[in-house]
Amino acid sequence: MDLVTPGIGLLFWMLLAFTALFLLLKKFAWKPILKMLRERDEHISQSLKAADLARLEMQKLQQDNEKILAEARRERDLLLAEARQVKEKMINDARQTAQDEAAKILTQARASIEKEKQMAILEMKDKIAEFSVEVAGKILRSELSSDSKQTEYLNRLIDELNIN
């Protein structure tokens, strides 16, 4: 059992070495180690706070971006609606102008056709009257070439006048 049980001298020297090492570490190493651990803890806390602030700032920026995008979409929709209205107004104005112009041209064409028709009718009447006078003149010349035919024609005209 001697192998398993340490001797008193060994225990004493081990305790003395441990105490000396502990005091040395406490005097020279313990404070810097604790200081370094505190600094590390503070650095980690500050980093976590900075990360939280950055996350909050990112959320705020994302919300702002979403607001800006929503505003841009709304403005785009308004511009598109306004452009559609302008397009429709231009189309309607052009259509109305074309209809007015077509109606004006149609009215002018009808007036021109009516005028041409009246002129043609007048010209035809003139020609018919002219032909009638020529025909009547030729007929009268041939029928009234003698005095007896002229007297007979006058009597017939007088009889027709009395009847009417």
C-alpha atoms as a PDB file:
ATOM      1  CA  MET A   1       0.000   0.000   0.000  1.00  0.00           C
ATOM      2  CA  ASP A   2       2.922   2.219   0.135  1.00  0.00           C
ATOM      3  CA  LEU A   3       2.657   2.808  -3.509  1.00  0.00           C
ATOM      4  CA  VAL A   4      -0.837   4.131  -3.265  1.00  0.00           C
ATOM      5  CA  THR A   5      -0.431   6.239  -0.125  1.00  0.00           C
ATOM      6  CA  PRO A   6       1.772   9.310  -0.500  1.00  0.00           C
ATOM      7  CA  GLY A   7       4.237  10.161   2.174  1.00  0.00           C
ATOM      8  CA  ILE A   8       3.860  13.112   4.554  1.00  0.00           C
ATOM      9  CA  GLY A   9       7.016  14.766   3.207  1.00  0.00           C
ATOM     10  CA  LEU A  10       5.744  14.564  -0.318  1.00  0.00           C
ATOM     11  CA  LEU A  11       2.417  15.999   0.752  1.00  0.00           C
ATOM     12  CA  PHE A  12       4.160  18.841   2.566  1.00  0.00           C
ATOM     13  CA  TRP A  13       6.349  19.760  -0.398  1.00  0.00           C
ATOM     14  CA  MET A  14       3.451  19.476  -2.773  1.00  0.00           C
ATOM     15  CA  LEU A  15       1.330  21.717  -0.553  1.00  0.00           C
ATOM     16  CA  LEU A  16       4.185  24.182  -0.201  1.00  0.00           C
ATOM     17  CA  ALA A  17       4.812  24.227  -3.991  1.00  0.00           C
ATOM     18  CA  PHE A  18       1.109  24.612  -4.678  1.00  0.00           C
ATOM     19  CA  THR A  19       0.784  27.464  -2.169  1.00  0.00           C
ATOM     20  CA  ALA A  20       3.857  29.216  -3.596  1.00  0.00           C
ATOM     21  CA  LEU A  21       2.557  28.791  -7.120  1.00  0.00           C
ATOM     22  CA  PHE A  22      -0.880  29.979  -6.019  1.00  0.00           C
ATOM     23  CA  LEU A  23       0.564  33.097  -4.340  1.00  0.00           C
ATOM     24  CA  LEU A  24       2.749  33.827  -7.351  1.00  0.00           C
ATOM     25  CA  LEU A  25      -0.163  33.426  -9.697  1.00  0.00           C
ATOM     26  CA  LYS A  26      -2.372  35.525  -7.412  1.00  0.00           C
ATOM     27  CA  LYS A  27       0.215  38.287  -7.182  1.00  0.00           C
ATOM     28  CA  PHE A  28       1.260  38.444 -10.837  1.00  0.00           C
ATOM     29  CA  ALA A  29      -1.216  36.578 -13.048  1.00  0.00           C
ATOM     30  CA  TRP A  30      -4.611  36.571 -11.377  1.00  0.00           C
ATOM     31  CA  LYS A  31      -5.324  40.336 -11.709  1.00  0.00           C
ATOM     32  CA  PRO A  32      -4.248  40.564 -15.357  1.00  0.00           C
ATOM     33  CA  ILE A  33      -6.243  37.407 -16.186  1.00  0.00           C
ATOM     34  CA  LEU A  34      -9.351  38.773 -14.429  1.00  0.00           C
ATOM     35  CA  LYS A  35      -8.804  42.161 -16.038  1.00  0.00           C
ATOM     36  CA  MET A  36      -8.510  40.510 -19.450  1.00  0.00           C
ATOM     37  CA  LEU A  37     -11.663  38.461 -18.776  1.00  0.00           C
ATOM     38  CA  ARG A  38     -13.560  41.605 -17.720  1.00  0.00           C
ATOM     39  CA  GLU A  39     -12.345  43.457 -20.816  1.00  0.00           C
ATOM     40  CA  ARG A  40     -13.348  40.539 -22.977  1.00  0.00           C
ATOM     41  CA  ASP A  41     -16.754  40.417 -21.279  1.00  0.00           C
ATOM     42  CA  GLU A  42     -17.192  44.178 -21.823  1.00  0.00           C
ATOM     43  CA  HIS A  43     -16.064  43.855 -25.417  1.00  0.00           C
ATOM     44  CA  ILE A  44     -18.544  41.032 -25.999  1.00  0.00           C
ATOM     45  CA  SER A  45     -21.321  43.070 -24.313  1.00  0.00           C
ATOM     46  CA  GLN A  46     -20.475  46.123 -26.416  1.00  0.00           C
ATOM     47  CA  SER A  47     -20.364  43.996 -29.546  1.00  0.00           C
ATOM     48  CA  LEU A  48     -23.758  42.515 -28.700  1.00  0.00           C
ATOM     49  CA  LYS A  49     -25.159  45.999 -28.041  1.00  0.00           C
ATOM     50  CA  ALA A  50     -23.655  47.242 -31.317  1.00  0.00           C
ATOM     51  CA  ALA A  51     -25.108  44.237 -33.125  1.00  0.00           C
ATOM     52  CA  ASP A  52     -28.524  44.947 -31.570  1.00  0.00           C
ATOM     53  CA  LEU A  53     -28.242  48.610 -32.573  1.00  0.00           C
ATOM     54  CA  ALA A  54     -27.165  47.611 -36.068  1.00  0.00           C
ATOM     55  CA  ARG A  55     -30.055  45.151 -36.272  1.00  0.00           C
ATOM     56  CA  LEU A  56     -32.502  47.829 -35.106  1.00  0.00           C
ATOM     57  CA  GLU A  57     -30.981  50.294 -37.571  1.00  0.00           C
ATOM     58  CA  MET A  58     -31.279  47.722 -40.360  1.00  0.00           C
ATOM     59  CA  GLN A  59     -34.929  47.128 -39.434  1.00  0.00           C
ATOM     60  CA  LYS A  60     -35.516  50.869 -39.452  1.00  0.00           C
ATOM     61  CA  LEU A  61     -33.763  51.192 -42.812  1.00  0.00           C
ATOM     62  CA  GLN A  62     -35.753  48.267 -44.173  1.00  0.00           C
ATOM     63  CA  GLN A  63     -39.007  49.877 -43.008  1.00  0.00           C
ATOM     64  CA  ASP A  64     -37.916  53.174 -44.559  1.00  0.00           C
ATOM     65  CA  ASN A  65     -37.041  51.365 -47.775  1.00  0.00           C
ATOM     66  CA  GLU A  66     -40.430  49.653 -47.780  1.00  0.00           C
ATOM     67  CA  LYS A  67     -42.139  53.012 -47.220  1.00  0.00           C
ATOM     68  CA  ILE A  68     -40.108  54.566 -50.027  1.00  0.00           C
ATOM     69  CA  LEU A  69     -40.899  51.631 -52.319  1.00  0.00           C
ATOM     70  CA  ALA A  70     -44.605  51.833 -51.442  1.00  0.00           C
ATOM     71  CA  GLU A  71     -44.558  55.581 -52.133  1.00  0.00           C
ATOM     72  CA  ALA A  72     -42.725  55.024 -55.413  1.00  0.00           C
ATOM     73  CA  ARG A  73     -45.247  52.351 -56.434  1.00  0.00           C
ATOM     74  CA  ARG A  74     -48.127  54.648 -55.516  1.00  0.00           C
ATOM     75  CA  GLU A  75     -46.603  57.511 -57.504  1.00  0.00           C
ATOM     76  CA  ARG A  76     -45.955  55.147 -60.430  1.00  0.00           C
ATOM     77  CA  ASP A  77     -49.576  53.993 -60.318  1.00  0.00           C
ATOM     78  CA  LEU A  78     -50.758  57.601 -60.200  1.00  0.00           C
ATOM     79  CA  LEU A  79     -48.527  58.517 -63.139  1.00  0.00           C
ATOM     80  CA  LEU A  80     -49.745  55.520 -65.118  1.00  0.00           C
ATOM     81  CA  ALA A  81     -53.372  56.364 -64.353  1.00  0.00           C
ATOM     82  CA  GLU A  82     -52.761  59.976 -65.339  1.00  0.00           C
ATOM     83  CA  ALA A  83     -51.022  58.852 -68.536  1.00  0.00           C
ATOM     84  CA  ARG A  84     -53.975  56.584 -69.338  1.00  0.00           C
ATOM     85  CA  GLN A  85     -56.375  59.469 -68.759  1.00  0.00           C
ATOM     86  CA  VAL A  86     -54.317  61.757 -70.980  1.00  0.00           C
ATOM     87  CA  LYS A  87     -54.163  59.051 -73.646  1.00  0.00           C
ATOM     88  CA  GLU A  88     -57.925  58.498 -73.472  1.00  0.00           C
ATOM     89  CA  LYS A  89     -58.549  62.247 -73.616  1.00  0.00           C
ATOM     90  CA  MET A  90     -56.248  62.600 -76.617  1.00  0.00           C
ATOM     91  CA  ILE A  91     -57.940  59.682 -78.363  1.00  0.00           C
ATOM     92  CA  ASN A  92     -61.400  61.060 -77.589  1.00  0.00           C
ATOM     93  CA  ASP A  93     -60.373  64.550 -78.701  1.00  0.00           C
ATOM     94  CA  ALA A  94     -58.899  63.180 -81.920  1.00  0.00           C
ATOM     95  CA  ARG A  95     -61.987  61.040 -82.492  1.00  0.00           C
ATOM     96  CA  GLN A  96     -64.288  64.013 -81.833  1.00  0.00           C
ATOM     97  CA  THR A  97     -62.201  66.243 -84.100  1.00  0.00           C
ATOM     98  CA  ALA A  98     -62.290  63.606 -86.823  1.00  0.00           C
ATOM     99  CA  GLN A  99     -66.048  63.200 -86.438  1.00  0.00           C
ATOM    100  CA  ASP A 100     -66.554  66.963 -86.532  1.00  0.00           C
ATOM    101  CA  GLU A 101     -64.316  67.254 -89.572  1.00  0.00           C
ATOM    102  CA  ALA A 102     -66.090  64.342 -91.272  1.00  0.00           C
ATOM    103  CA  ALA A 103     -69.480  65.901 -90.522  1.00  0.00           C
ATOM    104  CA  LYS A 104     -68.251  69.229 -91.871  1.00  0.00           C
ATOM    105  CA  ILE A 105     -66.881  67.590 -95.028  1.00  0.00           C
ATOM    106  CA  LEU A 106     -70.094  65.592 -95.425  1.00  0.00           C
ATOM    107  CA  THR A 107     -72.214  68.731 -95.020  1.00  0.00           C
ATOM    108  CA  GLN A 108     -70.055  70.569 -97.525  1.00  0.00           C
ATOM    109  CA  ALA A 109     -70.239  67.625 -99.918  1.00  0.00           C
ATOM    110  CA  ARG A 110     -74.038  67.468 -99.590  1.00  0.00           C
ATOM    111  CA  ALA A 111     -74.290  71.217-100.145  1.00  0.00           C
ATOM    112  CA  SER A 112     -71.983  70.947-103.135  1.00  0.00           C
ATOM    113  CA  ILE A 113     -73.957  68.007-104.533  1.00  0.00           C
ATOM    114  CA  GLU A 114     -77.227  69.873-104.000  1.00  0.00           C
ATOM    115  CA  LYS A 115     -75.789  72.963-105.680  1.00  0.00           C
ATOM    116  CA  GLU A 116     -74.493  70.884-108.590  1.00  0.00           C
ATOM    117  CA  LYS A 117     -77.871  69.153-108.805  1.00  0.00           C
ATOM    118  CA  GLN A 118     -79.718  72.481-108.901  1.00  0.00           C
ATOM    119  CA  MET A 119     -77.311  73.799-111.511  1.00  0.00           C
ATOM    120  CA  ALA A 120     -77.761  70.622-113.563  1.00  0.00           C
ATOM    121  CA  ILE A 121     -81.549  70.902-113.267  1.00  0.00           C
ATOM    122  CA  LEU A 122     -81.437  74.550-114.325  1.00  0.00           C
ATOM    123  CA  GLU A 123     -79.138  73.714-117.186  1.00  0.00           C
ATOM    124  CA  MET A 124     -81.429  70.872-118.241  1.00  0.00           C
ATOM    125  CA  LYS A 125     -84.452  73.181-118.041  1.00  0.00           C
ATOM    126  CA  ASP A 126     -82.628  75.748-120.137  1.00  0.00           C
ATOM    127  CA  LYS A 127     -81.634  73.108-122.680  1.00  0.00           C
ATOM    128  CA  ILE A 128     -85.138  71.604-122.713  1.00  0.00           C
ATOM    129  CA  ALA A 129     -86.652  75.061-123.134  1.00  0.00           C
ATOM    130  CA  GLU A 130     -84.166  75.831-125.870  1.00  0.00           C
ATOM    131  CA  PHE A 131     -84.898  72.525-127.622  1.00  0.00           C
ATOM    132  CA  SER A 132     -88.618  73.043-127.138  1.00  0.00           C
ATOM    133  CA  VAL A 133     -88.458  76.487-128.685  1.00  0.00           C
ATOM    134  CA  GLU A 134     -86.400  75.153-131.568  1.00  0.00           C
ATOM    135  CA  VAL A 135     -88.736  72.202-132.090  1.00  0.00           C
ATOM    136  CA  ALA A 136     -91.788  74.413-131.756  1.00  0.00           C
ATOM    137  CA  GLY A 137     -90.259  76.877-134.172  1.00  0.00           C
ATOM    138  CA  LYS A 138     -89.527  74.147-136.678  1.00  0.00           C
ATOM    139  CA  ILE A 139     -92.999  72.653-136.261  1.00  0.00           C
ATOM    140  CA  LEU A 140     -94.669  76.029-136.589  1.00  0.00           C
ATOM    141  CA  ARG A 141     -92.626  76.876-139.634  1.00  0.00           C
ATOM    142  CA  SER A 142     -93.535  73.656-141.313  1.00  0.00           C
ATOM    143  CA  GLU A 143     -97.185  73.775-140.283  1.00  0.00           C
ATOM    144  CA  LEU A 144     -97.691  77.456-140.792  1.00  0.00           C
ATOM    145  CA  SER A 145     -95.961  77.771-144.069  1.00  0.00           C
ATOM    146  CA  SER A 146     -99.228  78.702-145.765  1.00  0.00           C
ATOM    147  CA  ASP A 147    -101.867  81.270-144.804  1.00  0.00           C
ATOM    148  CA  SER A 148    -104.678  78.716-144.588  1.00  0.00           C
ATOM    149  CA  LYS A 149    -102.705  76.589-142.137  1.00  0.00           C
ATOM    150  CA  GLN A 150    -101.997  79.642-139.998  1.00  0.00           C
ATOM    151  CA  THR A 151    -105.689  80.549-139.848  1.00  0.00           C
ATOM    152  CA  GLU A 152    -106.679  76.997-139.022  1.00  0.00           C
ATOM    153  CA  TYR A 153    -104.039  76.839-136.238  1.00  0.00           C
ATOM    154  CA  LEU A 154    -105.242  80.130-134.707  1.00  0.00           C
ATOM    155  CA  ASN A 155    -108.857  78.928-134.713  1.00  0.00           C
ATOM    156  CA  ARG A 156    -107.856  75.727-132.947  1.00  0.00           C
ATOM    157  CA  LEU A 157    -105.946  77.689-130.291  1.00  0.00           C
ATOM    158  CA  ILE A 158    -108.971  79.965-129.750  1.00  0.00           C
ATOM    159  CA  ASP A 159    -111.226  76.934-129.335  1.00  0.00           C
ATOM    160  CA  GLU A 160    -108.872  75.427-126.763  1.00  0.00           C
ATOM    161  CA  LEU A 161    -108.744  78.719-124.851  1.00  0.00           C
ATOM    162  CA  ASN A 162    -112.519  78.925-124.694  1.00  0.00           C
ATOM    163  CA  ILE A 163    -112.750  75.377-123.406  1.00  0.00           C
ATOM    164  CA  ASN A 164    -110.246  75.965-120.612  1.00  0.00           C
END
